[in-house]
N, C-alpha and C. Protein backbone atom coordinates (compact mmCIF):
# COMPACT_ATOMS: atom_id res chain seq x y z
N MET A 1 -64.76 -91.34 68.60
CA MET A 1 -65.37 -90.04 68.54
C MET A 1 -65.88 -89.82 67.12
N ILE A 2 -66.90 -88.98 67.02
CA ILE A 2 -67.46 -88.63 65.71
C ILE A 2 -67.53 -87.11 65.59
N HIS A 3 -67.65 -86.65 64.36
CA HIS A 3 -67.73 -85.20 64.11
C HIS A 3 -68.85 -84.94 63.12
N ASP A 4 -69.67 -83.97 63.43
CA ASP A 4 -70.73 -83.52 62.52
C ASP A 4 -70.39 -82.10 62.10
N GLY A 5 -70.33 -81.86 60.82
CA GLY A 5 -70.00 -80.52 60.34
C GLY A 5 -68.68 -80.51 59.61
N SER A 6 -68.16 -79.31 59.38
CA SER A 6 -66.90 -79.20 58.65
C SER A 6 -65.75 -78.89 59.60
N LEU A 7 -64.56 -79.26 59.18
CA LEU A 7 -63.34 -78.98 59.94
C LEU A 7 -62.57 -77.92 59.16
N GLN A 8 -62.59 -76.70 59.64
CA GLN A 8 -61.95 -75.58 58.95
C GLN A 8 -60.43 -75.71 59.00
N ALA A 9 -59.80 -75.32 57.93
CA ALA A 9 -58.35 -75.45 57.81
C ALA A 9 -57.62 -74.19 58.27
N PRO A 10 -57.04 -74.23 59.47
CA PRO A 10 -56.23 -73.09 59.89
C PRO A 10 -54.88 -73.13 59.17
N ALA A 11 -54.23 -72.01 59.13
CA ALA A 11 -52.91 -71.95 58.51
C ALA A 11 -51.90 -72.71 59.36
N VAL A 12 -50.95 -73.32 58.70
CA VAL A 12 -49.84 -73.95 59.42
C VAL A 12 -48.99 -72.82 59.98
N PRO A 13 -48.63 -72.88 61.26
CA PRO A 13 -47.86 -71.79 61.87
C PRO A 13 -46.55 -71.53 61.13
N ALA A 14 -46.08 -70.30 61.23
CA ALA A 14 -44.80 -69.91 60.63
C ALA A 14 -43.69 -70.82 61.15
N GLY A 15 -42.78 -71.18 60.26
CA GLY A 15 -41.67 -72.04 60.64
C GLY A 15 -41.93 -73.51 60.42
N TYR A 16 -43.16 -73.85 59.98
CA TYR A 16 -43.53 -75.24 59.73
C TYR A 16 -43.98 -75.38 58.28
N ARG A 17 -43.93 -76.62 57.78
CA ARG A 17 -44.34 -76.91 56.40
C ARG A 17 -45.22 -78.16 56.41
N LEU A 18 -46.36 -78.10 55.72
CA LEU A 18 -47.31 -79.20 55.64
C LEU A 18 -47.10 -79.97 54.34
N ASP A 19 -47.10 -81.31 54.43
CA ASP A 19 -47.03 -82.18 53.27
C ASP A 19 -48.16 -83.19 53.39
N VAL A 20 -48.99 -83.30 52.36
CA VAL A 20 -50.10 -84.26 52.35
C VAL A 20 -50.01 -85.08 51.08
N ALA A 21 -50.08 -86.41 51.21
CA ALA A 21 -50.01 -87.30 50.06
C ALA A 21 -50.98 -88.46 50.25
N THR A 22 -51.53 -88.94 49.15
CA THR A 22 -52.42 -90.10 49.19
C THR A 22 -51.82 -91.21 48.35
N SER A 23 -51.77 -92.41 48.93
CA SER A 23 -51.26 -93.59 48.24
C SER A 23 -52.14 -94.77 48.61
N GLN A 24 -52.68 -95.43 47.60
CA GLN A 24 -53.54 -96.60 47.80
C GLN A 24 -54.65 -96.32 48.81
N ALA A 25 -55.34 -95.20 48.64
CA ALA A 25 -56.50 -94.77 49.43
C ALA A 25 -56.15 -94.26 50.83
N ILE A 26 -54.90 -94.34 51.24
CA ILE A 26 -54.50 -93.85 52.57
C ILE A 26 -53.85 -92.49 52.40
N THR A 27 -54.40 -91.51 53.09
CA THR A 27 -53.83 -90.17 53.07
C THR A 27 -52.94 -89.99 54.28
N THR A 28 -51.74 -89.50 54.07
CA THR A 28 -50.79 -89.23 55.14
C THR A 28 -50.46 -87.75 55.12
N ALA A 29 -50.54 -87.13 56.29
CA ALA A 29 -50.17 -85.72 56.42
C ALA A 29 -49.03 -85.62 57.42
N ARG A 30 -48.06 -84.78 57.09
CA ARG A 30 -46.94 -84.54 58.00
C ARG A 30 -46.68 -83.04 58.05
N ILE A 31 -46.37 -82.56 59.23
CA ILE A 31 -45.95 -81.17 59.39
C ILE A 31 -44.50 -81.21 59.83
N PHE A 32 -43.66 -80.54 59.06
CA PHE A 32 -42.22 -80.54 59.30
C PHE A 32 -41.77 -79.20 59.87
N THR A 33 -40.71 -79.25 60.67
CA THR A 33 -40.05 -78.04 61.13
C THR A 33 -39.18 -77.51 60.00
N GLY A 34 -38.58 -76.35 60.21
CA GLY A 34 -37.70 -75.76 59.21
C GLY A 34 -36.52 -76.63 58.86
N ASP A 35 -36.06 -77.46 59.83
CA ASP A 35 -34.90 -78.32 59.55
C ASP A 35 -35.29 -79.71 59.05
N GLY A 36 -36.60 -79.92 58.78
CA GLY A 36 -37.05 -81.19 58.22
C GLY A 36 -37.47 -82.24 59.22
N THR A 37 -37.46 -81.91 60.50
CA THR A 37 -37.91 -82.85 61.53
C THR A 37 -39.44 -82.93 61.51
N VAL A 38 -40.00 -84.13 61.67
CA VAL A 38 -41.45 -84.28 61.72
C VAL A 38 -41.94 -83.78 63.08
N ALA A 39 -42.82 -82.77 63.05
CA ALA A 39 -43.39 -82.21 64.28
C ALA A 39 -44.77 -82.81 64.57
N ALA A 40 -45.50 -83.20 63.52
CA ALA A 40 -46.83 -83.79 63.69
C ALA A 40 -47.11 -84.67 62.47
N SER A 41 -47.91 -85.70 62.67
CA SER A 41 -48.25 -86.58 61.56
C SER A 41 -49.57 -87.30 61.84
N GLY A 42 -50.18 -87.79 60.77
CA GLY A 42 -51.41 -88.54 60.92
C GLY A 42 -51.83 -89.14 59.59
N HIS A 43 -52.82 -90.00 59.66
CA HIS A 43 -53.30 -90.72 58.49
C HIS A 43 -54.83 -90.69 58.47
N ALA A 44 -55.40 -90.92 57.30
CA ALA A 44 -56.85 -91.03 57.17
C ALA A 44 -57.16 -91.91 55.97
N VAL A 45 -58.31 -92.56 56.06
CA VAL A 45 -58.79 -93.38 54.95
C VAL A 45 -60.32 -93.32 54.93
N GLU A 46 -60.88 -93.30 53.74
CA GLU A 46 -62.33 -93.30 53.58
C GLU A 46 -62.75 -94.66 53.04
N HIS A 47 -63.72 -95.29 53.74
CA HIS A 47 -64.18 -96.60 53.31
C HIS A 47 -65.55 -96.88 53.93
N ALA A 48 -66.44 -97.43 53.15
CA ALA A 48 -67.75 -97.92 53.61
C ALA A 48 -68.52 -96.88 54.42
N GLY A 49 -68.50 -95.64 53.95
CA GLY A 49 -69.31 -94.60 54.58
C GLY A 49 -68.70 -93.92 55.79
N VAL A 50 -67.44 -94.21 56.08
CA VAL A 50 -66.75 -93.51 57.18
C VAL A 50 -65.42 -92.96 56.68
N PHE A 51 -64.98 -91.89 57.31
CA PHE A 51 -63.67 -91.31 57.04
C PHE A 51 -62.91 -91.40 58.35
N VAL A 52 -61.95 -92.31 58.42
CA VAL A 52 -61.26 -92.66 59.67
C VAL A 52 -59.93 -91.92 59.78
N PHE A 53 -59.77 -91.17 60.87
CA PHE A 53 -58.50 -90.53 61.20
C PHE A 53 -57.74 -91.50 62.09
N ASP A 54 -56.43 -91.65 61.86
CA ASP A 54 -55.65 -92.65 62.60
C ASP A 54 -54.25 -92.13 62.90
N ARG A 55 -53.74 -92.53 64.04
CA ARG A 55 -52.36 -92.24 64.46
C ARG A 55 -52.01 -90.76 64.34
N ILE A 56 -52.88 -89.91 64.87
CA ILE A 56 -52.66 -88.47 64.89
C ILE A 56 -51.70 -88.16 66.04
N VAL A 57 -50.55 -87.61 65.73
CA VAL A 57 -49.52 -87.37 66.75
C VAL A 57 -48.89 -86.00 66.54
N THR A 58 -48.78 -85.25 67.63
CA THR A 58 -47.95 -84.04 67.63
C THR A 58 -46.84 -84.30 68.63
N GLU A 59 -45.61 -84.17 68.19
CA GLU A 59 -44.47 -84.42 69.08
C GLU A 59 -44.49 -83.42 70.23
N ALA A 60 -44.08 -83.89 71.41
CA ALA A 60 -44.19 -83.11 72.65
C ALA A 60 -43.60 -81.70 72.53
N ALA A 61 -42.48 -81.56 71.89
CA ALA A 61 -41.82 -80.25 71.79
C ALA A 61 -42.59 -79.26 70.91
N HIS A 62 -43.62 -79.75 70.19
CA HIS A 62 -44.34 -78.89 69.24
C HIS A 62 -45.82 -78.75 69.58
N ARG A 63 -46.23 -79.21 70.73
CA ARG A 63 -47.64 -79.14 71.12
C ARG A 63 -48.04 -77.71 71.49
N ARG A 64 -49.36 -77.46 71.44
CA ARG A 64 -49.97 -76.18 71.81
C ARG A 64 -49.59 -75.05 70.85
N ARG A 65 -49.37 -75.43 69.58
CA ARG A 65 -49.03 -74.44 68.55
C ARG A 65 -50.00 -74.46 67.37
N GLY A 66 -51.06 -75.26 67.47
CA GLY A 66 -52.04 -75.35 66.39
C GLY A 66 -51.73 -76.39 65.34
N LEU A 67 -50.69 -77.20 65.57
CA LEU A 67 -50.33 -78.21 64.57
C LEU A 67 -51.38 -79.30 64.46
N GLY A 68 -51.93 -79.74 65.59
CA GLY A 68 -52.96 -80.78 65.57
C GLY A 68 -54.18 -80.33 64.79
N ARG A 69 -54.61 -79.10 65.02
CA ARG A 69 -55.76 -78.55 64.29
C ARG A 69 -55.47 -78.50 62.78
N ALA A 70 -54.29 -78.03 62.43
CA ALA A 70 -53.93 -77.93 61.02
C ALA A 70 -53.85 -79.32 60.37
N LEU A 71 -53.33 -80.28 61.10
CA LEU A 71 -53.19 -81.64 60.59
C LEU A 71 -54.55 -82.28 60.34
N ILE A 72 -55.45 -82.19 61.33
CA ILE A 72 -56.80 -82.75 61.19
C ILE A 72 -57.51 -82.10 60.00
N ALA A 73 -57.43 -80.79 59.88
CA ALA A 73 -58.10 -80.10 58.78
C ALA A 73 -57.52 -80.50 57.42
N ALA A 74 -56.20 -80.66 57.35
CA ALA A 74 -55.57 -81.07 56.09
C ALA A 74 -56.03 -82.46 55.68
N LEU A 75 -56.13 -83.37 56.64
CA LEU A 75 -56.62 -84.71 56.33
C LEU A 75 -58.10 -84.65 55.93
N ALA A 76 -58.90 -83.89 56.65
CA ALA A 76 -60.33 -83.78 56.37
C ALA A 76 -60.58 -83.23 54.96
N ALA A 77 -59.70 -82.37 54.49
CA ALA A 77 -59.86 -81.80 53.15
C ALA A 77 -59.75 -82.85 52.06
N ARG A 78 -59.21 -84.02 52.37
CA ARG A 78 -59.08 -85.10 51.39
C ARG A 78 -60.28 -86.04 51.38
N GLN A 79 -61.27 -85.79 52.24
CA GLN A 79 -62.48 -86.62 52.26
C GLN A 79 -63.21 -86.44 50.94
N ARG A 80 -63.53 -87.54 50.26
CA ARG A 80 -64.16 -87.48 48.94
C ARG A 80 -65.67 -87.35 49.03
N SER A 81 -66.30 -88.08 49.92
CA SER A 81 -67.75 -88.10 50.01
C SER A 81 -68.24 -87.24 51.17
N GLY A 82 -69.11 -86.30 50.86
CA GLY A 82 -69.68 -85.46 51.90
C GLY A 82 -70.55 -86.22 52.88
N SER A 83 -70.98 -87.42 52.50
CA SER A 83 -71.82 -88.21 53.40
C SER A 83 -71.03 -89.16 54.29
N ALA A 84 -69.72 -89.30 54.05
CA ALA A 84 -68.90 -90.18 54.91
C ALA A 84 -68.78 -89.54 56.29
N ARG A 85 -68.96 -90.34 57.32
CA ARG A 85 -68.91 -89.84 58.70
C ARG A 85 -67.48 -89.85 59.22
N PRO A 86 -66.96 -88.69 59.67
CA PRO A 86 -65.62 -88.65 60.26
C PRO A 86 -65.61 -89.36 61.63
N VAL A 87 -64.66 -90.28 61.81
CA VAL A 87 -64.54 -91.01 63.08
C VAL A 87 -63.07 -91.12 63.47
N LEU A 88 -62.83 -91.27 64.77
CA LEU A 88 -61.49 -91.53 65.29
C LEU A 88 -61.58 -92.13 66.67
N VAL A 89 -60.50 -92.75 67.10
CA VAL A 89 -60.35 -93.22 68.47
C VAL A 89 -59.37 -92.25 69.12
N ALA A 90 -59.80 -91.61 70.20
CA ALA A 90 -58.97 -90.59 70.85
C ALA A 90 -58.27 -91.14 72.08
N THR A 91 -57.04 -90.70 72.25
CA THR A 91 -56.31 -90.98 73.50
C THR A 91 -56.72 -89.93 74.52
N GLU A 92 -56.35 -90.15 75.76
CA GLU A 92 -56.62 -89.15 76.80
C GLU A 92 -55.98 -87.82 76.43
N ASP A 93 -54.77 -87.86 75.88
CA ASP A 93 -54.07 -86.63 75.49
C ASP A 93 -54.82 -85.87 74.40
N GLY A 94 -55.48 -86.58 73.51
CA GLY A 94 -56.15 -85.94 72.39
C GLY A 94 -57.57 -85.48 72.64
N LEU A 95 -58.19 -85.94 73.73
CA LEU A 95 -59.60 -85.63 73.97
C LEU A 95 -59.92 -84.14 73.97
N LYS A 96 -59.11 -83.33 74.64
CA LYS A 96 -59.40 -81.89 74.72
C LYS A 96 -59.29 -81.23 73.36
N LEU A 97 -58.28 -81.61 72.59
CA LEU A 97 -58.15 -81.04 71.24
C LEU A 97 -59.37 -81.39 70.41
N TYR A 98 -59.74 -82.65 70.38
CA TYR A 98 -60.86 -83.06 69.54
C TYR A 98 -62.17 -82.42 69.99
N ALA A 99 -62.39 -82.34 71.30
CA ALA A 99 -63.60 -81.69 71.81
C ALA A 99 -63.64 -80.22 71.37
N SER A 100 -62.49 -79.54 71.39
CA SER A 100 -62.45 -78.13 70.98
C SER A 100 -62.73 -77.96 69.49
N LEU A 101 -62.55 -79.02 68.72
CA LEU A 101 -62.83 -79.00 67.28
C LEU A 101 -64.25 -79.46 66.94
N GLY A 102 -65.04 -79.77 67.97
CA GLY A 102 -66.42 -80.17 67.75
C GLY A 102 -66.68 -81.66 67.70
N TRP A 103 -65.68 -82.48 68.01
CA TRP A 103 -65.87 -83.93 68.06
C TRP A 103 -66.60 -84.28 69.36
N HIS A 104 -67.35 -85.37 69.33
CA HIS A 104 -67.97 -85.85 70.57
C HIS A 104 -67.89 -87.38 70.63
N ILE A 105 -67.93 -87.87 71.85
CA ILE A 105 -67.78 -89.31 72.08
C ILE A 105 -69.04 -90.04 71.65
N GLN A 106 -68.87 -91.03 70.82
CA GLN A 106 -69.96 -91.89 70.37
C GLN A 106 -70.07 -93.10 71.29
N SER A 107 -68.92 -93.68 71.65
CA SER A 107 -68.90 -94.82 72.57
C SER A 107 -67.50 -94.97 73.13
N ALA A 108 -67.41 -95.65 74.26
CA ALA A 108 -66.11 -95.93 74.86
C ALA A 108 -65.38 -96.97 74.01
N TYR A 109 -64.06 -96.97 74.12
CA TYR A 109 -63.24 -97.89 73.35
C TYR A 109 -62.12 -98.39 74.24
N SER A 110 -61.84 -99.66 74.16
CA SER A 110 -60.70 -100.20 74.91
C SER A 110 -60.00 -101.25 74.06
N THR A 111 -58.76 -101.48 74.41
CA THR A 111 -57.96 -102.47 73.70
C THR A 111 -57.42 -103.47 74.71
N ALA A 112 -57.41 -104.72 74.33
CA ALA A 112 -56.85 -105.75 75.20
C ALA A 112 -55.82 -106.55 74.40
N THR A 113 -54.81 -106.99 75.09
CA THR A 113 -53.79 -107.83 74.48
C THR A 113 -53.69 -109.12 75.29
N ILE A 114 -53.78 -110.24 74.62
CA ILE A 114 -53.63 -111.52 75.30
C ILE A 114 -52.24 -112.03 75.00
N ILE A 115 -51.50 -112.29 76.05
CA ILE A 115 -50.11 -112.74 75.89
C ILE A 115 -50.01 -114.21 76.24
């Protein structure tokens, strides 16, 4: 999926805490509950004209609370180049969230494993 435009940063819901850190060009964002449990997490990296979002996850018990939106926006805020194109591979579970944020499908994607 690709995104054209900006990703606005909503506030992290009450009772949660956002932590964003960058190490060796990889940005990691985590949203924690009040007791320190990870409720949502994801990664992003900018390289060769693209800004790639990866492994975006909201734990089942914390879905439908705006954590995914907050996480994506927090990662997007770390994009250095305004010309880098935001891209991601979406799971079936994530498609509705990403579509609601203005993402659209560029091409189908599949994975195969040879055993």
